[in-house]
N, C-alpha and C. Protein backbone atom coordinates (compact mmCIF):
# COMPACT_ATOMS: atom_id res chain seq x y z
N MET A 1 0.86 -1.02 0.02
CA MET A 1 0.18 0.36 -0.12
C MET A 1 1.00 1.28 -0.18
N PRO A 2 0.48 2.32 -0.83
CA PRO A 2 1.24 3.49 -1.01
C PRO A 2 0.86 4.35 0.48
N LEU A 3 1.92 5.26 0.88
CA LEU A 3 2.11 6.20 1.78
C LEU A 3 0.96 6.95 2.05
N ASN A 4 0.36 7.19 2.76
CA ASN A 4 -0.69 8.53 3.05
C ASN A 4 0.42 10.05 3.24
N LYS A 5 0.27 10.53 2.21
CA LYS A 5 1.48 12.01 2.34
C LYS A 5 0.12 13.15 3.32
N LYS A 6 -0.94 13.14 2.15
CA LYS A 6 -1.99 14.14 2.72
C LYS A 6 -1.72 14.32 3.91
N LYS A 7 -2.20 13.65 4.84
CA LYS A 7 -1.84 13.88 6.68
C LYS A 7 -0.99 14.16 7.24
N LYS A 8 0.12 13.88 6.57
CA LYS A 8 1.88 14.84 7.20
C LYS A 8 1.35 16.59 6.57
N LYS A 9 1.12 16.46 5.74
CA LYS A 9 0.85 18.04 5.41
C LYS A 9 0.00 18.76 6.33
N ARG A 10 -1.00 18.23 5.95
CA ARG A 10 -2.26 18.35 7.21
C ARG A 10 -2.04 19.08 8.78
N LYS A 11 -1.70 18.07 8.97
CA LYS A 11 -0.99 18.10 10.27
C LYS A 11 0.11 19.55 10.32
N ILE A 12 0.58 19.18 9.44
CA ILE A 12 1.76 20.08 9.50
C ILE A 12 1.28 21.68 9.08
N LYS A 13 0.34 22.00 8.58
CA LYS A 13 -0.39 23.30 8.60
C LYS A 13 -1.19 23.65 9.75
N LYS A 14 -1.87 22.46 10.45
CA LYS A 14 -2.42 22.77 11.83
C LYS A 14 -1.30 23.33 12.87
N GLN A 15 0.02 22.39 12.47
CA GLN A 15 0.48 23.52 13.75
C GLN A 15 1.49 24.71 13.61
N LEU A 16 1.44 24.65 12.00
CA LEU A 16 2.12 26.29 11.58
C LEU A 16 1.21 27.41 12.23
N SER A 17 -0.20 26.55 12.12
CA SER A 17 -1.40 28.15 11.89
C SER A 17 -1.62 28.37 13.65
N TRP A 18 -1.16 27.85 14.61
CA TRP A 18 -1.01 28.43 15.94
C TRP A 18 0.11 28.60 16.52
N GLU A 19 -0.17 29.70 17.18
CA GLU A 19 0.97 30.75 17.44
C GLU A 19 2.08 29.93 18.44
N LYS A 20 3.35 29.90 18.24
CA LYS A 20 4.38 29.14 19.29
C LYS A 20 4.67 30.05 19.76
N ASP A 21 4.99 29.59 21.43
CA ASP A 21 5.61 29.81 22.93
C ASP A 21 6.83 31.22 22.36
N GLY A 22 7.77 30.33 21.36
CA GLY A 22 8.93 31.25 21.39
C GLY A 22 8.76 32.55 20.50
N GLU A 23 7.32 32.99 19.81
CA GLU A 23 7.39 34.31 19.02
C GLU A 23 6.96 35.07 19.91
N LYS A 24 6.90 36.40 19.71
CA LYS A 24 6.18 37.60 20.94
C LYS A 24 5.22 38.18 19.97
N LYS A 25 4.31 38.13 20.98
CA LYS A 25 3.21 38.26 20.27
C LYS A 25 2.65 39.92 21.34
N GLU A 26 1.74 40.62 20.79
CA GLU A 26 1.26 41.54 21.79
C GLU A 26 0.43 41.41 22.62
N LEU A 27 0.91 42.35 24.00
CA LEU A 27 0.28 41.52 25.41
C LEU A 27 -1.46 42.23 25.27
N ILE A 28 -2.18 41.56 25.61
CA ILE A 28 -3.99 41.66 25.78
C ILE A 28 -4.51 41.99 27.15
N PHE A 29 -4.73 43.27 27.37
CA PHE A 29 -4.91 43.82 28.78
C PHE A 29 -6.49 43.59 29.20
N LYS A 30 -7.11 43.41 30.11
CA LYS A 30 -8.26 43.20 30.52
C LYS A 30 -9.12 44.45 29.85
N GLU A 31 -10.67 43.94 29.71
CA GLU A 31 -11.86 45.25 28.87
C GLU A 31 -12.68 45.29 30.40
N GLU A 32 -13.75 45.97 29.64
CA GLU A 32 -14.93 45.89 30.81
C GLU A 32 -15.48 45.00 32.03
N SER A 33 -15.54 43.66 30.72
CA SER A 33 -16.67 42.98 31.75
C SER A 33 -15.49 41.44 31.23
N GLN A 34 -14.30 41.64 31.42
CA GLN A 34 -13.10 40.15 31.73
C GLN A 34 -12.37 40.86 33.16
N GLU A 35 -11.50 39.68 33.65
CA GLU A 35 -10.80 39.56 34.98
C GLU A 35 -9.57 38.93 34.78
N TYR A 36 -8.51 38.86 35.02
CA TYR A 36 -7.61 38.26 35.37
C TYR A 36 -7.85 37.04 36.17
N ALA A 37 -7.33 35.73 35.90
CA ALA A 37 -7.94 35.18 37.26
C ALA A 37 -6.54 33.89 36.90
N GLN A 38 -6.23 33.01 38.35
CA GLN A 38 -5.55 32.19 38.37
C GLN A 38 -6.42 30.32 38.75
N ILE A 39 -5.53 29.69 38.00
CA ILE A 39 -6.39 28.58 38.29
C ILE A 39 -6.52 27.87 39.43
N LEU A 40 -7.29 27.57 40.06
CA LEU A 40 -7.28 27.07 40.97
C LEU A 40 -7.40 25.11 41.28
N LYS A 41 -8.49 25.03 40.86
CA LYS A 41 -8.46 23.50 40.43
C LYS A 41 -8.90 22.89 38.68
N MET A 42 -8.74 21.94 38.37
CA MET A 42 -9.68 21.61 37.05
C MET A 42 -10.12 19.99 37.71
N LEU A 43 -11.52 20.73 37.23
CA LEU A 43 -12.72 19.77 37.33
C LEU A 43 -13.18 18.98 35.94
N GLY A 44 -12.22 19.23 35.04
CA GLY A 44 -13.20 17.65 34.24
C GLY A 44 -13.86 18.49 33.22
N ASN A 45 -14.14 17.91 31.38
CA ASN A 45 -15.37 18.62 30.91
C ASN A 45 -14.85 19.33 30.63
N GLY A 46 -13.87 20.73 29.98
CA GLY A 46 -13.22 21.85 29.86
C GLY A 46 -13.88 22.54 30.98
N ARG A 47 -13.92 22.42 32.35
CA ARG A 47 -14.31 23.00 33.54
C ARG A 47 -12.79 23.34 34.44
N CYS A 48 -13.09 24.52 35.05
CA CYS A 48 -11.97 25.37 36.25
C CYS A 48 -12.47 25.67 37.32
N GLU A 49 -11.85 25.45 38.20
CA GLU A 49 -12.52 26.85 39.17
C GLU A 49 -11.39 27.49 39.64
N THR A 50 -11.55 28.99 39.29
CA THR A 50 -10.46 29.97 39.43
C THR A 50 -10.36 30.86 40.73
N TYR A 51 -9.75 31.34 40.84
CA TYR A 51 -9.59 32.78 41.66
C TYR A 51 -9.59 33.87 41.05
N CYS A 52 -10.34 34.60 40.90
CA CYS A 52 -10.62 35.88 39.91
C CYS A 52 -9.04 37.15 41.30
N PHE A 53 -9.12 38.26 39.98
CA PHE A 53 -8.36 38.76 41.25
C PHE A 53 -8.99 39.83 41.73
N ASP A 54 -10.42 39.72 41.36
CA ASP A 54 -10.96 40.70 42.58
C ASP A 54 -11.70 40.37 43.35
N GLY A 55 -11.07 38.71 43.97
CA GLY A 55 -11.50 38.68 44.97
C GLY A 55 -12.90 37.01 45.24
N LYS A 56 -12.97 36.73 43.96
CA LYS A 56 -14.32 36.20 44.12
C LYS A 56 -13.38 34.38 43.52
N LYS A 57 -13.92 33.38 43.73
CA LYS A 57 -13.74 32.46 43.25
C LYS A 57 -14.99 32.35 42.31
N ARG A 58 -14.48 31.68 40.77
CA ARG A 58 -15.67 31.33 39.91
C ARG A 58 -15.08 30.03 39.11
N LEU A 59 -16.47 29.36 38.79
CA LEU A 59 -16.55 28.08 38.06
C LEU A 59 -16.30 28.66 36.69
N CYS A 60 -15.00 28.21 35.79
CA CYS A 60 -14.41 28.58 34.22
C CYS A 60 -15.24 27.37 33.32
N HIS A 61 -15.34 28.27 32.04
CA HIS A 61 -15.35 26.91 31.32
C HIS A 61 -14.43 27.47 29.82
N ILE A 62 -13.65 26.81 29.98
CA ILE A 62 -12.76 26.23 28.28
C ILE A 62 -13.78 26.93 27.22
N ARG A 63 -13.10 27.98 26.28
CA ARG A 63 -14.21 27.98 25.47
C ARG A 63 -13.33 26.72 24.15
N GLY A 64 -14.82 26.55 23.15
CA GLY A 64 -14.29 25.24 22.13
C GLY A 64 -12.51 25.65 21.43
N LYS A 65 -12.37 26.94 21.30
CA LYS A 65 -11.00 26.75 20.32
C LYS A 65 -10.07 26.90 20.88
N MET A 66 -9.82 27.02 22.11
CA MET A 66 -8.71 26.19 23.13
C MET A 66 -8.90 25.11 24.05
N ARG A 67 -9.87 24.69 23.30
CA ARG A 67 -9.93 23.01 24.66
C ARG A 67 -8.80 21.91 23.79
N LYS A 68 -8.67 21.70 23.03
CA LYS A 68 -7.55 20.67 22.88
C LYS A 68 -6.55 21.30 22.18
N LYS A 69 -5.97 22.23 22.11
CA LYS A 69 -4.99 23.16 21.65
C LYS A 69 -4.26 24.17 22.24
N ILE A 70 -4.47 24.32 23.30
CA ILE A 70 -4.33 25.35 24.55
C ILE A 70 -3.82 24.66 25.72
N TRP A 71 -3.58 23.75 26.68
CA TRP A 71 -3.25 22.92 27.74
C TRP A 71 -3.00 23.81 28.71
N ILE A 72 -4.22 23.74 29.72
CA ILE A 72 -4.33 24.71 30.98
C ILE A 72 -3.99 23.78 32.14
N ASN A 73 -2.88 24.44 32.83
CA ASN A 73 -2.29 23.83 34.23
C ASN A 73 -3.15 24.07 35.44
N VAL A 74 -2.70 24.13 36.51
CA VAL A 74 -2.95 25.00 37.84
C VAL A 74 -2.42 25.38 38.18
N GLY A 75 -2.46 26.96 38.45
CA GLY A 75 -1.60 27.70 38.48
C GLY A 75 -1.26 28.79 36.80
N ASP A 76 -2.16 28.46 36.35
CA ASP A 76 -1.33 29.35 35.02
C ASP A 76 -2.26 30.53 35.53
N ILE A 77 -1.99 31.30 34.85
CA ILE A 77 -2.74 32.77 34.62
C ILE A 77 -3.75 32.80 33.64
N VAL A 78 -5.13 33.34 33.46
CA VAL A 78 -5.66 33.11 32.50
C VAL A 78 -7.01 34.56 32.58
N LEU A 79 -7.72 35.10 31.37
CA LEU A 79 -8.43 36.02 30.94
C LEU A 79 -9.49 35.06 31.69
N VAL A 80 -10.36 36.13 31.78
CA VAL A 80 -12.00 35.40 32.27
C VAL A 80 -12.66 36.07 31.48
N GLY A 81 -13.65 36.34 30.66
CA GLY A 81 -15.08 36.63 30.17
C GLY A 81 -16.16 36.58 31.58
N LEU A 82 -16.30 37.83 32.10
CA LEU A 82 -17.35 37.54 32.75
C LEU A 82 -18.79 37.48 32.21
N ARG A 83 -20.02 36.88 32.82
CA ARG A 83 -20.92 36.86 32.53
C ARG A 83 -22.05 37.73 33.09
N ASP A 84 -22.90 38.24 32.51
CA ASP A 84 -23.43 39.47 32.73
C ASP A 84 -25.10 39.04 33.47
N PHE A 85 -25.47 37.86 33.45
CA PHE A 85 -25.90 36.82 34.04
C PHE A 85 -26.27 36.10 35.37
N GLN A 86 -24.63 35.48 34.86
CA GLN A 86 -24.27 34.62 36.19
C GLN A 86 -22.71 35.53 36.66
N ASP A 87 -23.11 35.78 37.87
CA ASP A 87 -21.92 36.38 38.77
C ASP A 87 -20.80 35.46 38.78
N GLN A 88 -20.96 33.75 39.47
CA GLN A 88 -20.10 32.89 39.64
C GLN A 88 -19.56 32.36 38.77
N LYS A 89 -20.08 32.38 37.71
CA LYS A 89 -19.83 31.79 36.59
C LYS A 89 -19.11 32.79 35.25
N GLY A 90 -17.90 31.82 34.46
CA GLY A 90 -17.30 32.82 33.46
C GLY A 90 -16.85 32.09 32.33
N ASP A 91 -15.98 32.33 31.41
CA ASP A 91 -15.31 31.63 30.56
C ASP A 91 -13.85 32.21 30.44
N ILE A 92 -12.95 31.17 30.07
CA ILE A 92 -12.03 31.11 30.10
C ILE A 92 -11.36 31.74 28.73
N ILE A 93 -10.63 33.05 28.33
CA ILE A 93 -10.67 33.64 26.34
C ILE A 93 -9.15 33.47 26.21
N LEU A 94 -8.54 33.65 27.11
CA LEU A 94 -6.74 33.65 27.26
C LEU A 94 -6.13 33.23 28.25
N LYS A 95 -4.72 32.17 27.47
CA LYS A 95 -4.11 31.92 28.52
C LYS A 95 -2.71 32.33 28.81
N TYR A 96 -2.37 33.34 29.43
CA TYR A 96 -0.74 34.22 29.53
C TYR A 96 -0.33 33.31 29.32
N SER A 97 1.37 32.87 28.72
CA SER A 97 2.40 32.17 29.16
C SER A 97 2.95 33.22 30.35
N THR A 98 4.41 32.40 30.72
CA THR A 98 4.99 32.83 32.39
C THR A 98 5.64 34.22 31.73
N THR A 99 6.21 33.95 31.25
CA THR A 99 6.70 35.60 30.55
C THR A 99 5.27 36.93 29.84
N GLU A 100 4.58 36.55 29.83
CA GLU A 100 3.11 37.08 29.75
C GLU A 100 2.90 37.34 31.03
N ALA A 101 2.89 36.69 31.82
CA ALA A 101 2.00 36.96 33.29
C ALA A 101 3.39 38.01 33.80
N ARG A 102 4.55 37.62 33.49
CA ARG A 102 5.32 38.60 34.90
C ARG A 102 5.58 39.76 34.25
N ASN A 103 5.26 39.83 32.50
CA ASN A 103 5.01 41.66 31.86
C ASN A 103 3.70 42.04 33.20
N LEU A 104 2.67 41.31 32.91
CA LEU A 104 1.54 42.04 33.39
C LEU A 104 1.67 42.47 34.87
N LYS A 105 2.75 41.72 35.15
CA LYS A 105 2.86 41.91 36.82
C LYS A 105 3.37 43.25 36.92
N ALA A 106 4.82 43.57 36.38
CA ALA A 106 5.37 44.54 36.09
C ALA A 106 4.65 45.70 35.81
N CYS A 107 3.89 45.67 34.85
CA CYS A 107 2.95 46.72 34.47
C CYS A 107 1.68 47.06 35.56
N GLY A 108 2.13 46.39 36.64
CA GLY A 108 1.21 46.74 37.46
C GLY A 108 -0.60 46.46 37.44
N GLU A 109 -0.68 45.05 36.40
CA GLU A 109 -2.29 44.88 36.38
C GLU A 109 -2.56 43.95 36.82
N LEU A 110 -1.33 42.66 37.57
CA LEU A 110 -1.37 41.58 38.42
C LEU A 110 -1.23 41.84 39.96
N PRO A 111 -1.79 41.53 40.34
CA PRO A 111 -1.38 41.88 42.06
C PRO A 111 0.09 41.75 42.29
N LEU A 112 0.84 42.00 43.08
CA LEU A 112 2.13 41.49 43.76
C LEU A 112 2.79 40.78 43.91
N ASN A 113 1.50 40.43 45.21
CA ASN A 113 1.68 39.32 45.98
C ASN A 113 1.38 37.77 45.63
N ILE A 114 0.75 37.50 44.19
CA ILE A 114 0.65 36.12 43.72
C ILE A 114 2.25 35.51 43.53
N ASP A 115 1.87 34.32 43.17
CA ASP A 115 3.47 33.88 42.59
C ASP A 115 3.06 32.71 41.54
N ILE A 116 3.15 33.25 40.62
CA ILE A 116 2.96 32.67 38.85
C ILE A 116 3.09 31.18 38.73
N ASN A 117 2.39 30.59 38.22
CA ASN A 117 2.77 29.02 37.79
C ASN A 117 2.92 28.47 39.37
N GLU A 118 1.95 29.07 40.56
CA GLU A 118 1.34 28.17 41.67
C GLU A 118 0.14 28.25 42.35
N PRO A 119 -0.85 27.68 42.93
CA PRO A 119 -2.31 28.10 42.85
C PRO A 119 -1.63 28.47 44.42
N VAL A 120 -3.12 29.35 44.60
CA VAL A 120 -3.63 30.46 45.12
C VAL A 120 -4.11 30.09 46.16
N ASN A 121 -4.25 29.08 46.77
CA ASN A 121 -4.85 28.26 47.75
C ASN A 121 -4.14 28.84 49.16
N LYS A 122 -4.55 29.42 50.21
CA LYS A 122 -3.30 29.87 51.29
C LYS A 122 -3.68 28.18 52.19
N ASP A 123 -4.35 27.81 52.13
CA ASP A 123 -4.44 26.66 53.07
C ASP A 123 -3.61 25.23 52.29
N GLU A 124 -3.16 25.70 51.25
CA GLU A 124 -1.66 24.78 50.86
C GLU A 124 -0.71 25.22 51.46
N LYS A 125 -0.24 25.85 51.53
CA LYS A 125 1.10 26.43 51.27
C LYS A 125 0.84 26.40 52.97
N LEU A 126 -0.79 26.90 54.23
CA LEU A 126 -0.03 26.45 55.22
C LEU A 126 0.71 25.16 55.99
N LYS A 127 -0.32 24.43 55.03
CA LYS A 127 -0.43 23.08 55.26
C LYS A 127 1.70 22.65 54.77
N LYS A 128 2.18 22.73 53.60
CA LYS A 128 3.17 22.70 53.68
C LYS A 128 4.32 23.29 54.67
N VAL A 129 4.13 24.38 54.83
CA VAL A 129 4.78 24.77 56.22
C VAL A 129 4.70 24.16 57.36
N GLU A 130 3.34 23.61 57.75
CA GLU A 130 3.14 22.98 58.93
C GLU A 130 3.88 21.37 58.87
N ASN A 131 3.88 21.05 57.74
CA ASN A 131 4.16 19.89 57.62
C ASN A 131 6.10 19.71 57.40
N LEU A 132 6.42 20.88 57.75
CA LEU A 132 8.29 20.48 57.81
C LEU A 132 8.42 20.59 58.95
N ASP A 133 7.87 21.05 60.30
CA ASP A 133 8.29 20.75 61.32
C ASP A 133 8.10 19.46 62.31
N GLN A 134 7.31 18.58 61.91
CA GLN A 134 6.91 17.45 61.96
C GLN A 134 8.57 16.52 62.03
N GLY A 135 8.70 16.47 63.56
CA GLY A 135 9.48 15.45 64.07
C GLY A 135 9.70 15.08 65.16
N PHE A 136 11.04 14.58 65.97
CA PHE A 136 10.96 13.79 67.06
C PHE A 136 11.95 15.39 67.75
N ASP A 137 11.49 15.77 69.28
CA ASP A 137 12.49 16.54 69.96
C ASP A 137 13.12 15.88 71.22
N PHE A 138 14.61 15.22 71.01
CA PHE A 138 14.79 14.74 71.53
C PHE A 138 15.87 15.90 72.92
N GLU A 139 15.71 15.76 74.13
CA GLU A 139 16.03 16.32 75.39
C GLU A 139 17.69 15.45 75.59
N ILE A 140 18.28 16.16 76.16
CA ILE A 140 19.56 15.61 76.06
C ILE A 140 20.45 15.71 77.86
N GLU A 141 20.38 14.82 78.36
CA GLU A 141 21.04 15.25 80.05
C GLU A 141 22.50 15.27 80.04
N GLU A 142 22.74 16.16 80.86
CA GLU A 142 24.22 16.26 80.50
C GLU A 142 24.43 15.06 81.72
N ASN A 143 24.32 15.03 82.77
CA ASN A 143 24.95 14.07 83.48
C ASN A 143 24.60 12.44 82.82
N TYR A 144 24.18 12.13 81.83
CA TYR A 144 24.18 10.52 81.34
C TYR A 144 25.10 9.94 81.41
N ASN A 145 25.56 8.75 81.62
CA ASN A 145 26.42 8.03 81.59
C ASN A 145 26.32 6.88 80.11
N PHE A 146 26.97 6.74 80.07
CA PHE A 146 26.89 5.86 78.59
C PHE A 146 27.26 4.20 78.93
N PHE A 147 28.82 4.43 79.75
CA PHE A 147 29.60 3.35 80.30
C PHE A 147 28.69 2.81 82.10
């Protein structure tokens, strides 16, 4: 059987059509009904729990254009489109790379106290600090003879 060469060309065209991380692209700022957010938890089925930087947790839906082409992980900075009729839900419009997120932070768009690519959940950070201090404390008696 002959080789199918059409699929390879189609695959290469798809890869070239999407912007690559190495290229410089224009930084997109938020508009009126948009907010910056950080991913807290991936829920599956194209949904995730986000912490928006206006102080609210929202359930967000990954739009279809981004669904299988741009991978979103916990701790990523995204741009969320807010809904007029549902305040607790939103749509993920754009994912920022780490360099773009640092540029947003330098411009003053993001709060200075956030960690890029790390979850915002303060309870997890406290648990990590508490777990470091678990261990045994031994009291040493000075008048103890070994022999």
